[in-house]
Protein backbone atom coordinates (compact mmCIF):
# COMPACT_ATOMS: atom_id res chain seq x y z
CA MET A 1 -2.36 10.47 6.63
CA ARG A 2 -1.09 13.58 4.98
CA VAL A 3 -3.13 16.40 3.58
CA TRP A 4 -1.36 18.94 1.44
CA THR A 5 -2.59 22.29 0.28
CA PRO A 6 -0.45 24.68 -1.74
CA LEU A 7 1.51 27.45 -0.09
CA ALA A 8 3.54 30.27 -1.51
CA PRO A 9 6.45 29.06 -3.66
CA GLY A 10 9.40 27.98 -1.56
CA LYS A 11 7.35 27.07 1.54
CA ARG A 12 6.42 23.54 2.57
CA SER A 13 3.50 22.25 4.62
CA GLY A 14 5.00 18.86 5.51
CA PRO A 15 7.23 15.99 4.36
CA SER A 16 5.15 15.29 1.27
CA ALA A 17 4.31 18.88 0.44
CA GLY A 18 4.10 19.56 -3.24
CA THR A 19 5.39 16.25 -4.50
CA THR A 20 3.88 15.72 -7.91
CA PRO A 21 2.97 12.19 -8.97
CA ARG A 22 5.90 10.32 -10.54
CA SER A 23 7.78 13.52 -11.32
CA GLY A 24 10.37 13.41 -8.57
CA ARG A 25 10.07 17.18 -8.26
CA SER A 26 9.08 18.40 -4.81
CA SER A 27 7.76 21.92 -4.63
CA PRO A 28 4.44 23.70 -4.39
CA ALA A 29 5.20 25.35 -7.73
CA ALA A 30 5.65 21.95 -9.41
CA ALA A 31 2.38 20.69 -7.93
CA ALA A 32 0.52 23.83 -8.96
CA GLY A 33 2.03 23.55 -12.44
CA ALA A 34 0.61 20.02 -12.67
CA GLY A 35 -2.82 21.34 -11.69
CA ILE A 36 -2.73 19.83 -8.20
CA GLY A 37 -4.32 22.02 -5.56
CA ALA A 38 -4.48 19.45 -2.76
CA CYS A 39 -3.43 15.88 -2.06
CA LEU A 40 -4.71 13.38 0.50
CA SER A 41 -2.38 10.41 1.09
CA VAL A 42 -3.39 7.46 3.27
CA PRO A 43 -0.82 4.74 4.09
CA LEU A 44 -1.67 1.16 3.17
CA VAL A 45 -0.45 -0.95 6.10
CA VAL A 46 -0.68 -4.75 6.13
CA ASP A 47 -0.11 -6.99 9.14
CA SER A 48 1.48 -10.16 7.83
CA THR A 49 4.93 -11.57 8.49
CA VAL A 50 6.04 -8.04 9.39
CA PRO A 51 3.51 -6.31 11.69
CA GLY A 52 2.59 -2.89 10.36
CA GLU A 53 4.29 -3.38 6.97
CA LEU A 54 3.80 -0.36 4.72
CA VAL A 55 3.00 -1.68 1.24
CA GLY A 56 1.84 1.51 -0.44
CA SER A 57 -0.60 4.35 -0.16
CA PHE A 58 -3.83 5.66 -1.57
CA ASN A 59 -3.37 9.13 -2.98
CA VAL A 60 -6.22 11.38 -3.97
CA TYR A 61 -5.54 14.62 -5.80
CA SER A 62 -7.72 17.65 -6.40
CA ASP A 63 -7.38 20.83 -8.36
CA ARG A 64 -9.03 22.74 -5.48
CA GLY A 65 -6.82 23.77 -2.58
CA GLU A 66 -9.51 23.23 0.07
CA ALA A 67 -10.74 19.91 -1.30
CA PHE A 68 -10.14 17.72 1.73
CA ASP A 69 -11.24 17.97 5.36
CA PRO A 70 -10.93 15.68 8.42
CA PHE A 71 -14.03 13.75 7.34
CA ASP A 72 -12.33 12.89 4.04
CA GLU A 73 -9.32 11.58 5.96
CA LYS A 74 -11.59 9.25 7.98
CA LEU A 75 -13.53 8.25 4.89
CA MET A 76 -10.32 7.20 3.09
CA ARG A 77 -9.68 4.65 5.84
CA LEU A 78 -12.53 2.50 4.48
CA PRO A 79 -10.98 1.52 1.13
CA THR A 80 -7.53 1.40 2.74
CA THR A 81 -8.71 -1.09 5.36
CA ALA A 82 -10.47 -3.21 2.73
CA ALA A 83 -7.41 -3.21 0.46
CA ALA A 84 -5.12 -4.14 3.35
CA ALA A 85 -7.39 -7.08 4.24
CA ALA A 86 -7.45 -8.23 0.60
CA ILE A 87 -3.66 -8.08 0.33
CA SER A 88 -3.25 -9.95 3.62
CA ASN A 89 -5.73 -12.64 2.53
CA ALA A 90 -4.01 -13.03 -0.85
CA ARG A 91 -0.67 -13.49 0.89
CA ARG A 92 -2.15 -16.12 3.20
CA TRP A 93 -3.73 -17.93 0.25
CA GLN A 94 -0.41 -17.96 -1.59
CA ALA A 95 1.44 -19.23 1.50
CA ALA A 96 -1.15 -21.99 1.97
CA GLY A 97 -0.75 -23.03 -1.68
CA GLU A 98 3.01 -23.19 -1.30
CA THR A 99 2.66 -25.29 1.86
CA ILE A 100 0.31 -27.70 0.07
CA ALA A 101 2.76 -28.08 -2.82
CA GLN A 102 5.61 -28.82 -0.39
CA LEU A 103 3.51 -31.39 1.47
CA GLU A 104 2.58 -33.13 -1.79
CA VAL A 105 6.28 -33.44 -2.67
CA VAL A 106 7.09 -34.82 0.78
CA LEU A 107 4.22 -37.32 0.70
CA GLY A 108 5.25 -38.45 -2.80
CA SER A 109 8.80 -39.13 -1.68
CA ARG A 110 7.49 -40.89 1.43
CA ALA A 111 5.75 -43.52 -0.76
CA GLU A 112 9.04 -44.14 -2.60
CA ILE A 113 10.88 -44.57 0.71
CA ASP A 114 8.26 -47.08 1.93
CA GLN A 115 8.61 -49.09 -1.30
CA ALA A 116 12.39 -49.16 -0.92
CA LYS A 117 12.05 -50.58 2.62
CA VAL A 118 9.93 -53.49 1.39
CA CYS A 119 12.53 -54.57 -1.17
């Protein structure tokens, strides 16, 4: 998790300091210009075929510099955990559907093979 609060222009508080959403600009001045005073980013990690796969993040922005505290960081784990479970379940459901479709094809061709043996 990363919490960012603005610093004086030209200074950074961490790897994601001052990055404004979708702008590509990375500076406290750019964030302040966009009205962002603080940002809380929580990684969205899913355990599927790749353990610990990072699939995104939840980002919460505030216009107040002191908007987030350690409790907020812990609180953000709740929706992140639920979203990760939903993504993992959706992937499993899709994989099961693909397996079923493959088995139906194999069983269909098996009947044709059996008929060919009788002739």
